Amino acid sequence: ASLHLTATETYRRRVIAMGEEPGRVINTGAIGVYNILHTPLLSREE
C-alpha cells in the first residue's frame, strides 16, 4: 500500500517502522468505533 489509515498512534508508528513514509501514515482512529457512536440503533423490542 501507499497510503495508510491506522487506528491508533501506536499502530501509526509501527507502520512507519516498517519503512513507510510518515506523511502517508495517518492516525484516524478505528472506523468501527465511529460507527457505533453514529449509527441509529434498533430498539430492544425491534
All heavy atoms as atom14 arrays in JSON, in Angstrom:
{
  "sequence": "ASLHLTATETYRRRVIAMGEEPGRVINTGAIGVYNILHTPLLSREE",
  "atom14_mask": [
    [1, 1, 1, 1, 1, 0, 0, 0, 0, 0, 0, 0, 0, 0],
    [1, 1, 1, 1, 1, 1, 0, 0, 0, 0, 0, 0, 0, 0],
    [1, 1, 1, 1, 1, 1, 1, 1, 0, 0, 0, 0, 0, 0],
    [1, 1, 1, 1, 1, 1, 1, 1, 1, 1, 0, 0, 0, 0],
    [1, 1, 1, 1, 1, 1, 1, 1, 0, 0, 0, 0, 0, 0],
    [1, 1, 1, 1, 1, 1, 1, 0, 0, 0, 0, 0, 0, 0],
    [1, 1, 1, 1, 1, 0, 0, 0, 0, 0, 0, 0, 0, 0],
    [1, 1, 1, 1, 1, 1, 1, 0, 0, 0, 0, 0, 0, 0],
    [1, 1, 1, 1, 1, 1, 1, 1, 1, 0, 0, 0, 0, 0],
    [1, 1, 1, 1, 1, 1, 1, 0, 0, 0, 0, 0, 0, 0],
    [1, 1, 1, 1, 1, 1, 1, 1, 1, 1, 1, 1, 0, 0],
    [1, 1, 1, 1, 1, 1, 1, 1, 1, 1, 1, 0, 0, 0],
    [1, 1, 1, 1, 1, 1, 1, 1, 1, 1, 1, 0, 0, 0],
    [1, 1, 1, 1, 1, 1, 1, 1, 1, 1, 1, 0, 0, 0],
    [1, 1, 1, 1, 1, 1, 1, 0, 0, 0, 0, 0, 0, 0],
    [1, 1, 1, 1, 1, 1, 1, 1, 0, 0, 0, 0, 0, 0],
    [1, 1, 1, 1, 1, 0, 0, 0, 0, 0, 0, 0, 0, 0],
    [1, 1, 1, 1, 1, 1, 1, 1, 0, 0, 0, 0, 0, 0],
    [1, 1, 1, 1, 0, 0, 0, 0, 0, 0, 0, 0, 0, 0],
    [1, 1, 1, 1, 1, 1, 1, 1, 1, 0, 0, 0, 0, 0],
    [1, 1, 1, 1, 1, 1, 1, 1, 1, 0, 0, 0, 0, 0],
    [1, 1, 1, 1, 1, 1, 1, 0, 0, 0, 0, 0, 0, 0],
    [1, 1, 1, 1, 0, 0, 0, 0, 0, 0, 0, 0, 0, 0],
    [1, 1, 1, 1, 1, 1, 1, 1, 1, 1, 1, 0, 0, 0],
    [1, 1, 1, 1, 1, 1, 1, 0, 0, 0, 0, 0, 0, 0],
    [1, 1, 1, 1, 1, 1, 1, 1, 0, 0, 0, 0, 0, 0],
    [1, 1, 1, 1, 1, 1, 1, 1, 0, 0, 0, 0, 0, 0],
    [1, 1, 1, 1, 1, 1, 1, 0, 0, 0, 0, 0, 0, 0],
    [1, 1, 1, 1, 0, 0, 0, 0, 0, 0, 0, 0, 0, 0],
    [1, 1, 1, 1, 1, 0, 0, 0, 0, 0, 0, 0, 0, 0],
    [1, 1, 1, 1, 1, 1, 1, 1, 0, 0, 0, 0, 0, 0],
    [1, 1, 1, 1, 0, 0, 0, 0, 0, 0, 0, 0, 0, 0],
    [1, 1, 1, 1, 1, 1, 1, 0, 0, 0, 0, 0, 0, 0],
    [1, 1, 1, 1, 1, 1, 1, 1, 1, 1, 1, 1, 0, 0],
    [1, 1, 1, 1, 1, 1, 1, 1, 0, 0, 0, 0, 0, 0],
    [1, 1, 1, 1, 1, 1, 1, 1, 0, 0, 0, 0, 0, 0],
    [1, 1, 1, 1, 1, 1, 1, 1, 0, 0, 0, 0, 0, 0],
    [1, 1, 1, 1, 1, 1, 1, 1, 1, 1, 0, 0, 0, 0],
    [1, 1, 1, 1, 1, 1, 1, 0, 0, 0, 0, 0, 0, 0],
    [1, 1, 1, 1, 1, 1, 1, 0, 0, 0, 0, 0, 0, 0],
    [1, 1, 1, 1, 1, 1, 1, 1, 0, 0, 0, 0, 0, 0],
    [1, 1, 1, 1, 1, 1, 1, 1, 0, 0, 0, 0, 0, 0],
    [1, 1, 1, 1, 1, 1, 0, 0, 0, 0, 0, 0, 0, 0],
    [1, 1, 1, 1, 1, 1, 1, 1, 1, 1, 1, 0, 0, 0],
    [1, 1, 1, 1, 1, 1, 1, 1, 1, 0, 0, 0, 0, 0],
    [1, 1, 1, 1, 1, 1, 1, 1, 1, 0, 0, 0, 0, 0]
  ],
  "atom14_positions": [
    [[0.83, -1.2, 0.0], [0.0, 0.0, 0.0], [0.86, 1.26, 0.0], [2.04, 1.24, 0.38], [-0.92, 0.0, 1.22], [0.0, 0.0, 0.0], [0.0, 0.0, 0.0], [0.0, 0.0, 0.0], [0.0, 0.0, 0.0], [0.0, 0.0, 0.0], [0.0, 0.0, 0.0], [0.0, 0.0, 0.0], [0.0, 0.0, 0.0], [0.0, 0.0, 0.0]],
    [[0.23, 2.37, -0.41], [0.93, 3.65, -0.49], [0.36, 4.72, 0.43], [0.99, 5.74, 0.65], [0.89, 4.17, -1.93], [1.53, 3.27, -2.81], [0.0, 0.0, 0.0], [0.0, 0.0, 0.0], [0.0, 0.0, 0.0], [0.0, 0.0, 0.0], [0.0, 0.0, 0.0], [0.0, 0.0, 0.0], [0.0, 0.0, 0.0], [0.0, 0.0, 0.0]],
    [[-0.85, 4.49, 0.96], [-1.46, 5.42, 1.91], [-2.06, 4.57, 3.02], [-2.78, 3.6, 2.75], [-2.54, 6.26, 1.23], [-3.23, 7.32, 2.1], [-2.25, 8.37, 2.58], [-4.38, 7.98, 1.32], [0.0, 0.0, 0.0], [0.0, 0.0, 0.0], [0.0, 0.0, 0.0], [0.0, 0.0, 0.0], [0.0, 0.0, 0.0], [0.0, 0.0, 0.0]],
    [[-1.77, 4.95, 4.27], [-2.1, 4.09, 5.41], [-2.95, 4.86, 6.42], [-2.55, 5.95, 6.87], [-0.82, 3.61, 6.09], [0.17, 3.02, 5.15], [0.17, 1.7, 4.8], [1.19, 3.61, 4.44], [1.14, 1.48, 3.92], [1.78, 2.62, 3.7], [0.0, 0.0, 0.0], [0.0, 0.0, 0.0], [0.0, 0.0, 0.0], [0.0, 0.0, 0.0]],
    [[-4.1, 4.3, 6.78], [-5.0, 4.9, 7.75], [-5.05, 3.96, 8.95], [-5.69, 2.9, 8.9], [-6.4, 5.1, 7.14], [-6.42, 5.8, 5.78], [-7.86, 5.95, 5.28], [-5.74, 7.16, 5.84], [0.0, 0.0, 0.0], [0.0, 0.0, 0.0], [0.0, 0.0, 0.0], [0.0, 0.0, 0.0], [0.0, 0.0, 0.0], [0.0, 0.0, 0.0]],
    [[-4.37, 4.33, 10.03], [-4.23, 3.44, 11.18], [-5.19, 3.81, 12.29], [-5.66, 4.95, 12.38], [-2.79, 3.44, 11.72], [-2.52, 4.72, 12.32], [-1.79, 3.17, 10.6], [0.0, 0.0, 0.0], [0.0, 0.0, 0.0], [0.0, 0.0, 0.0], [0.0, 0.0, 0.0], [0.0, 0.0, 0.0], [0.0, 0.0, 0.0], [0.0, 0.0, 0.0]],
    [[-5.44, 2.85, 13.19], [-6.46, 3.02, 14.21], [-5.95, 3.65, 15.49], [-6.75, 4.12, 16.31], [-7.11, 1.67, 14.54], [0.0, 0.0, 0.0], [0.0, 0.0, 0.0], [0.0, 0.0, 0.0], [0.0, 0.0, 0.0], [0.0, 0.0, 0.0], [0.0, 0.0, 0.0], [0.0, 0.0, 0.0], [0.0, 0.0, 0.0], [0.0, 0.0, 0.0]],
    [[-4.65, 3.66, 15.72], [-4.08, 4.31, 16.9], [-2.7, 4.89, 16.53], [-2.12, 4.53, 15.5], [-3.88, 3.34, 18.09], [-2.78, 2.46, 17.8], [-5.14, 2.54, 18.39], [0.0, 0.0, 0.0], [0.0, 0.0, 0.0], [0.0, 0.0, 0.0], [0.0, 0.0, 0.0], [0.0, 0.0, 0.0], [0.0, 0.0, 0.0], [0.0, 0.0, 0.0]],
    [[-2.19, 5.75, 17.4], [-0.87, 6.31, 17.16], [0.22, 5.24, 17.28], [1.23, 5.27, 16.56], [-0.6, 7.45, 18.14], [0.72, 8.16, 17.94], [0.86, 8.81, 16.57], [-0.18, 9.17, 15.96], [2.01, 8.96, 16.1], [0.0, 0.0, 0.0], [0.0, 0.0, 0.0], [0.0, 0.0, 0.0], [0.0, 0.0, 0.0], [0.0, 0.0, 0.0]],
    [[0.03, 4.29, 18.17], [0.98, 3.18, 18.28], [1.08, 2.44, 16.96], [2.19, 2.09, 16.5], [0.56, 2.22, 19.41], [0.62, 2.9, 20.66], [1.46, 1.0, 19.45], [0.0, 0.0, 0.0], [0.0, 0.0, 0.0], [0.0, 0.0, 0.0], [0.0, 0.0, 0.0], [0.0, 0.0, 0.0], [0.0, 0.0, 0.0], [0.0, 0.0, 0.0]],
    [[-0.06, 2.17, 16.35], [-0.05, 1.46, 15.07], [0.55, 2.33, 13.96], [1.22, 1.83, 13.06], [-1.46, 1.02, 14.7], [-2.08, 0.03, 15.66], [-3.46, -0.1, 15.77], [-1.28, -0.79, 16.46], [-4.02, -1.02, 16.64], [-1.83, -1.7, 17.33], [-3.21, -1.81, 17.42], [-3.76, -2.72, 18.28], [0.0, 0.0, 0.0], [0.0, 0.0, 0.0]],
    [[0.32, 3.63, 14.03], [0.94, 4.53, 13.05], [2.47, 4.43, 13.13], [3.15, 4.3, 12.11], [0.49, 5.97, 13.29], [1.16, 6.97, 12.36], [0.69, 8.4, 12.6], [1.38, 9.3, 11.69], [2.55, 9.89, 11.95], [3.14, 9.67, 13.12], [3.12, 10.66, 11.06], [0.0, 0.0, 0.0], [0.0, 0.0, 0.0], [0.0, 0.0, 0.0]],
    [[3.0, 4.48, 14.34], [4.45, 4.4, 14.5], [4.99, 3.05, 14.01], [6.08, 2.97, 13.45], [4.84, 4.64, 15.95], [4.58, 6.06, 16.44], [5.3, 6.33, 17.75], [4.86, 5.45, 18.82], [3.88, 5.74, 19.66], [3.22, 6.89, 19.56], [3.54, 4.88, 20.62], [0.0, 0.0, 0.0], [0.0, 0.0, 0.0], [0.0, 0.0, 0.0]],
    [[4.2, 2.01, 14.2], [4.65, 0.68, 13.77], [4.72, 0.6, 12.24], [5.66, 0.01, 11.68], [3.69, -0.37, 14.32], [4.18, -1.8, 14.16], [3.26, -2.74, 14.89], [3.41, -2.65, 16.34], [2.44, -2.9, 17.21], [1.23, -3.21, 16.79], [2.66, -2.8, 18.51], [0.0, 0.0, 0.0], [0.0, 0.0, 0.0], [0.0, 0.0, 0.0]],
    [[3.75, 1.19, 11.55], [3.78, 1.21, 10.09], [4.99, 2.01, 9.59], [5.67, 1.61, 8.63], [2.47, 1.77, 9.51], [2.58, 2.04, 8.01], [1.31, 0.8, 9.78], [0.0, 0.0, 0.0], [0.0, 0.0, 0.0], [0.0, 0.0, 0.0], [0.0, 0.0, 0.0], [0.0, 0.0, 0.0], [0.0, 0.0, 0.0], [0.0, 0.0, 0.0]],
    [[5.27, 3.12, 10.23], [6.46, 3.91, 9.86], [7.73, 3.09, 10.09], [8.67, 3.13, 9.28], [6.49, 5.23, 10.65], [5.31, 6.12, 10.24], [7.8, 5.97, 10.44], [5.1, 7.33, 11.14], [0.0, 0.0, 0.0], [0.0, 0.0, 0.0], [0.0, 0.0, 0.0], [0.0, 0.0, 0.0], [0.0, 0.0, 0.0], [0.0, 0.0, 0.0]],
    [[7.77, 2.33, 11.17], [8.93, 1.49, 11.45], [9.13, 0.42, 10.38], [10.25, -0.09, 10.22], [8.77, 0.82, 12.82], [0.0, 0.0, 0.0], [0.0, 0.0, 0.0], [0.0, 0.0, 0.0], [0.0, 0.0, 0.0], [0.0, 0.0, 0.0], [0.0, 0.0, 0.0], [0.0, 0.0, 0.0], [0.0, 0.0, 0.0], [0.0, 0.0, 0.0]],
    [[8.07, 0.11, 9.64], [8.18, -0.85, 8.54], [8.7, -0.2, 7.26], [8.8, -0.85, 6.22], [6.82, -1.49, 8.28], [6.33, -2.37, 9.42], [4.62, -2.95, 9.18], [4.82, -4.01, 7.76], [0.0, 0.0, 0.0], [0.0, 0.0, 0.0], [0.0, 0.0, 0.0], [0.0, 0.0, 0.0], [0.0, 0.0, 0.0], [0.0, 0.0, 0.0]],
    [[9.07, 1.08, 7.34], [9.67, 1.76, 6.2], [8.73, 2.64, 5.41], [9.11, 3.16, 4.36], [0.0, 0.0, 0.0], [0.0, 0.0, 0.0], [0.0, 0.0, 0.0], [0.0, 0.0, 0.0], [0.0, 0.0, 0.0], [0.0, 0.0, 0.0], [0.0, 0.0, 0.0], [0.0, 0.0, 0.0], [0.0, 0.0, 0.0], [0.0, 0.0, 0.0]],
    [[7.51, 2.85, 5.9], [6.55, 3.68, 5.18], [6.77, 5.16, 5.52], [7.09, 5.51, 6.65], [5.12, 3.25, 5.52], [4.82, 1.81, 5.12], [5.03, 1.55, 3.65], [4.34, 2.17, 2.83], [5.91, 0.72, 3.31], [0.0, 0.0, 0.0], [0.0, 0.0, 0.0], [0.0, 0.0, 0.0], [0.0, 0.0, 0.0], [0.0, 0.0, 0.0]],
    [[6.57, 6.01, 4.52], [6.83, 7.44, 4.7], [5.85, 8.05, 5.7], [4.63, 7.87, 5.56], [6.71, 8.14, 3.35], [7.73, 7.69, 2.32], [7.56, 8.41, 1.0], [7.68, 9.64, 0.98], [7.29, 7.73, -0.01], [0.0, 0.0, 0.0], [0.0, 0.0, 0.0], [0.0, 0.0, 0.0], [0.0, 0.0, 0.0], [0.0, 0.0, 0.0]],
    [[6.32, 8.76, 6.7], [5.44, 9.29, 7.76], [4.29, 10.13, 7.24], [3.18, 10.08, 7.79], [6.39, 10.11, 8.62], [7.72, 9.47, 8.43], [7.75, 9.02, 7.0], [0.0, 0.0, 0.0], [0.0, 0.0, 0.0], [0.0, 0.0, 0.0], [0.0, 0.0, 0.0], [0.0, 0.0, 0.0], [0.0, 0.0, 0.0], [0.0, 0.0, 0.0]],
    [[4.51, 10.91, 6.18], [3.44, 11.76, 5.66], [2.31, 11.0, 5.03], [1.23, 11.55, 4.8], [0.0, 0.0, 0.0], [0.0, 0.0, 0.0], [0.0, 0.0, 0.0], [0.0, 0.0, 0.0], [0.0, 0.0, 0.0], [0.0, 0.0, 0.0], [0.0, 0.0, 0.0], [0.0, 0.0, 0.0], [0.0, 0.0, 0.0], [0.0, 0.0, 0.0]],
    [[2.54, 9.71, 4.76], [1.49, 8.88, 4.17], [0.87, 7.92, 5.18], [0.13, 7.02, 4.8], [2.07, 8.07, 3.01], [2.55, 8.92, 1.84], [2.95, 8.02, 0.69], [3.5, 8.77, -0.44], [3.86, 8.22, -1.59], [3.74, 6.9, -1.75], [4.35, 8.95, -2.57], [0.0, 0.0, 0.0], [0.0, 0.0, 0.0], [0.0, 0.0, 0.0]],
    [[1.18, 8.1, 6.45], [0.63, 7.24, 7.51], [-0.14, 8.13, 8.48], [0.45, 8.99, 9.15], [1.74, 6.47, 8.25], [1.12, 5.43, 9.18], [2.69, 5.8, 7.26], [0.0, 0.0, 0.0], [0.0, 0.0, 0.0], [0.0, 0.0, 0.0], [0.0, 0.0, 0.0], [0.0, 0.0, 0.0], [0.0, 0.0, 0.0], [0.0, 0.0, 0.0]],
    [[-1.44, 7.94, 8.56], [-2.32, 8.86, 9.28], [-3.1, 8.1, 10.35], [-3.76, 7.09, 10.05], [-3.3, 9.53, 8.29], [-2.51, 10.28, 7.2], [-4.25, 10.48, 9.02], [-3.35, 10.68, 6.01], [0.0, 0.0, 0.0], [0.0, 0.0, 0.0], [0.0, 0.0, 0.0], [0.0, 0.0, 0.0], [0.0, 0.0, 0.0], [0.0, 0.0, 0.0]],
    [[-3.03, 8.58, 11.58], [-3.83, 8.01, 12.66], [-5.24, 8.56, 12.57], [-5.48, 9.74, 12.83], [-3.19, 8.35, 14.01], [-4.07, 7.96, 15.19], [-4.98, 7.15, 15.05], [-3.81, 8.56, 16.33], [0.0, 0.0, 0.0], [0.0, 0.0, 0.0], [0.0, 0.0, 0.0], [0.0, 0.0, 0.0], [0.0, 0.0, 0.0], [0.0, 0.0, 0.0]],
    [[-6.18, 7.71, 12.22], [-7.57, 8.14, 12.04], [-8.48, 7.71, 13.19], [-9.6, 8.2, 13.31], [-8.16, 7.54, 10.75], [-8.22, 6.11, 10.88], [-7.33, 7.92, 9.55], [0.0, 0.0, 0.0], [0.0, 0.0, 0.0], [0.0, 0.0, 0.0], [0.0, 0.0, 0.0], [0.0, 0.0, 0.0], [0.0, 0.0, 0.0], [0.0, 0.0, 0.0]],
    [[-8.0, 6.8, 14.07], [-8.93, 6.11, 14.95], [-9.61, 4.99, 14.18], [-9.46, 4.87, 12.96], [0.0, 0.0, 0.0], [0.0, 0.0, 0.0], [0.0, 0.0, 0.0], [0.0, 0.0, 0.0], [0.0, 0.0, 0.0], [0.0, 0.0, 0.0], [0.0, 0.0, 0.0], [0.0, 0.0, 0.0], [0.0, 0.0, 0.0], [0.0, 0.0, 0.0]],
    [[-10.35, 4.15, 14.88], [-11.0, 2.99, 14.26], [-12.38, 3.36, 13.74], [-13.21, 3.88, 14.5], [-11.09, 1.84, 15.25], [0.0, 0.0, 0.0], [0.0, 0.0, 0.0], [0.0, 0.0, 0.0], [0.0, 0.0, 0.0], [0.0, 0.0, 0.0], [0.0, 0.0, 0.0], [0.0, 0.0, 0.0], [0.0, 0.0, 0.0], [0.0, 0.0, 0.0]],
    [[-12.63, 3.04, 12.49], [-13.92, 3.39, 11.89], [-15.07, 2.63, 12.55], [-16.19, 3.13, 12.63], [-13.9, 3.14, 10.36], [-15.16, 3.68, 9.69], [-13.7, 1.66, 10.06], [-15.33, 5.18, 9.82], [0.0, 0.0, 0.0], [0.0, 0.0, 0.0], [0.0, 0.0, 0.0], [0.0, 0.0, 0.0], [0.0, 0.0, 0.0], [0.0, 0.0, 0.0]],
    [[-14.79, 1.44, 13.08], [-15.85, 0.7, 13.76], [-16.36, 1.4, 15.0], [-17.56, 1.36, 15.31], [0.0, 0.0, 0.0], [0.0, 0.0, 0.0], [0.0, 0.0, 0.0], [0.0, 0.0, 0.0], [0.0, 0.0, 0.0], [0.0, 0.0, 0.0], [0.0, 0.0, 0.0], [0.0, 0.0, 0.0], [0.0, 0.0, 0.0], [0.0, 0.0, 0.0]],
    [[-15.47, 2.06, 15.73], [-15.88, 2.82, 16.9], [-16.74, 4.01, 16.47], [-17.77, 4.32, 17.08], [-14.66, 3.28, 17.71], [-15.09, 4.13, 18.89], [-13.86, 2.08, 18.19], [0.0, 0.0, 0.0], [0.0, 0.0, 0.0], [0.0, 0.0, 0.0], [0.0, 0.0, 0.0], [0.0, 0.0, 0.0], [0.0, 0.0, 0.0], [0.0, 0.0, 0.0]],
    [[-16.32, 4.69, 15.42], [-17.12, 5.8, 14.88], [-18.53, 5.31, 14.53], [-19.52, 5.98, 14.82], [-16.43, 6.37, 13.65], [-17.21, 7.49, 13.0], [-16.97, 8.82, 13.35], [-18.21, 7.23, 12.05], [-17.69, 9.85, 12.76], [-18.93, 8.25, 11.47], [-18.67, 9.56, 11.83], [-19.4, 10.58, 11.26], [0.0, 0.0, 0.0], [0.0, 0.0, 0.0]],
    [[-18.62, 4.14, 13.9], [-19.93, 3.61, 13.5], [-20.85, 3.42, 14.71], [-22.04, 3.75, 14.66], [-19.77, 2.27, 12.78], [-19.08, 2.41, 11.44], [-18.93, 3.52, 10.91], [-18.66, 1.29, 10.88], [0.0, 0.0, 0.0], [0.0, 0.0, 0.0], [0.0, 0.0, 0.0], [0.0, 0.0, 0.0], [0.0, 0.0, 0.0], [0.0, 0.0, 0.0]],
    [[-20.3, 2.86, 15.78], [-21.1, 2.62, 16.98], [-21.71, 3.92, 17.5], [-22.88, 3.98, 17.9], [-20.25, 1.96, 18.08], [-20.03, 0.48, 17.76], [-20.9, 2.09, 19.45], [-19.14, -0.23, 18.75], [0.0, 0.0, 0.0], [0.0, 0.0, 0.0], [0.0, 0.0, 0.0], [0.0, 0.0, 0.0], [0.0, 0.0, 0.0], [0.0, 0.0, 0.0]],
    [[-20.93, 4.97, 17.47], [-21.35, 6.23, 18.06], [-22.23, 7.06, 17.13], [-22.82, 8.06, 17.57], [-20.11, 7.04, 18.47], [-19.18, 6.34, 19.47], [-17.97, 7.21, 19.76], [-19.91, 6.0, 20.76], [0.0, 0.0, 0.0], [0.0, 0.0, 0.0], [0.0, 0.0, 0.0], [0.0, 0.0, 0.0], [0.0, 0.0, 0.0], [0.0, 0.0, 0.0]],
    [[-22.35, 6.68, 15.86], [-23.08, 7.5, 14.89], [-24.16, 6.74, 14.13], [-24.73, 7.29, 13.19], [-22.1, 8.12, 13.9], [-21.18, 9.12, 14.5], [-20.0, 8.76, 15.15], [-21.25, 10.47, 14.58], [-19.4, 9.85, 15.59], [-20.12, 10.89, 15.27], [0.0, 0.0, 0.0], [0.0, 0.0, 0.0], [0.0, 0.0, 0.0], [0.0, 0.0, 0.0]],
    [[-24.45, 5.51, 14.52], [-25.49, 4.73, 13.85], [-26.75, 4.7, 14.7], [-26.71, 4.27, 15.86], [-25.01, 3.29, 13.61], [-23.84, 3.3, 12.8], [-26.1, 2.47, 12.9], [0.0, 0.0, 0.0], [0.0, 0.0, 0.0], [0.0, 0.0, 0.0], [0.0, 0.0, 0.0], [0.0, 0.0, 0.0], [0.0, 0.0, 0.0], [0.0, 0.0, 0.0]],
    [[-27.91, 5.15, 14.17], [-29.18, 4.99, 14.9], [-29.49, 3.5, 15.06], [-29.54, 2.77, 14.08], [-30.2, 5.68, 13.99], [-29.4, 6.56, 13.08], [-28.09, 5.85, 12.89], [0.0, 0.0, 0.0], [0.0, 0.0, 0.0], [0.0, 0.0, 0.0], [0.0, 0.0, 0.0], [0.0, 0.0, 0.0], [0.0, 0.0, 0.0], [0.0, 0.0, 0.0]],
    [[-29.67, 3.07, 16.3], [-29.82, 1.65, 16.57], [-31.28, 1.25, 16.75], [-32.15, 2.07, 17.01], [-29.02, 1.29, 17.83], [-27.53, 1.64, 17.78], [-26.85, 1.27, 19.09], [-26.84, 0.96, 16.61], [0.0, 0.0, 0.0], [0.0, 0.0, 0.0], [0.0, 0.0, 0.0], [0.0, 0.0, 0.0], [0.0, 0.0, 0.0], [0.0, 0.0, 0.0]],
    [[-31.52, -0.05, 16.61], [-32.86, -0.6, 16.82], [-33.22, -0.53, 18.31], [-32.36, -0.59, 19.18], [-32.91, -2.05, 16.36], [-32.63, -2.33, 14.88], [-32.57, -3.84, 14.64], [-33.67, -1.68, 13.99], [0.0, 0.0, 0.0], [0.0, 0.0, 0.0], [0.0, 0.0, 0.0], [0.0, 0.0, 0.0], [0.0, 0.0, 0.0], [0.0, 0.0, 0.0]],
    [[-34.51, -0.45, 18.58], [-34.97, -0.56, 19.96], [-34.85, -2.0, 20.42], [-34.71, -2.94, 19.61], [-36.43, -0.11, 20.07], [-37.27, -1.04, 19.41], [0.0, 0.0, 0.0], [0.0, 0.0, 0.0], [0.0, 0.0, 0.0], [0.0, 0.0, 0.0], [0.0, 0.0, 0.0], [0.0, 0.0, 0.0], [0.0, 0.0, 0.0], [0.0, 0.0, 0.0]],
    [[-34.91, -2.2, 21.73], [-34.87, -3.56, 22.26], [-35.98, -4.41, 21.68], [-35.78, -5.59, 21.32], [-34.97, -3.53, 23.79], [-34.89, -4.9, 24.44], [-35.2, -4.8, 25.93], [-34.2, -4.04, 26.64], [-33.11, -4.57, 27.21], [-32.89, -5.87, 27.13], [-32.26, -3.8, 27.86], [0.0, 0.0, 0.0], [0.0, 0.0, 0.0], [0.0, 0.0, 0.0]],
    [[-37.16, -3.84, 21.55], [-38.31, -4.59, 21.03], [-38.11, -4.96, 19.57], [-38.42, -6.09, 19.16], [-39.59, -3.77, 21.2], [-40.03, -3.54, 22.65], [-39.14, -2.54, 23.4], [-38.49, -1.7, 22.72], [-39.09, -2.61, 24.64], [0.0, 0.0, 0.0], [0.0, 0.0, 0.0], [0.0, 0.0, 0.0], [0.0, 0.0, 0.0], [0.0, 0.0, 0.0]],
    [[-37.6, -4.03, 18.78], [-37.36, -4.32, 17.36], [-36.3, -5.42, 17.2], [-36.46, -6.33, 16.37], [-36.89, -3.05, 16.65], [-37.97, -2.0, 16.49], [-37.42, -0.68, 15.98], [-36.28, -0.3, 16.37], [-38.12, -0.02, 15.19], [0.0, 0.0, 0.0], [0.0, 0.0, 0.0], [0.0, 0.0, 0.0], [0.0, 0.0, 0.0], [0.0, 0.0, 0.0]]
  ]
}
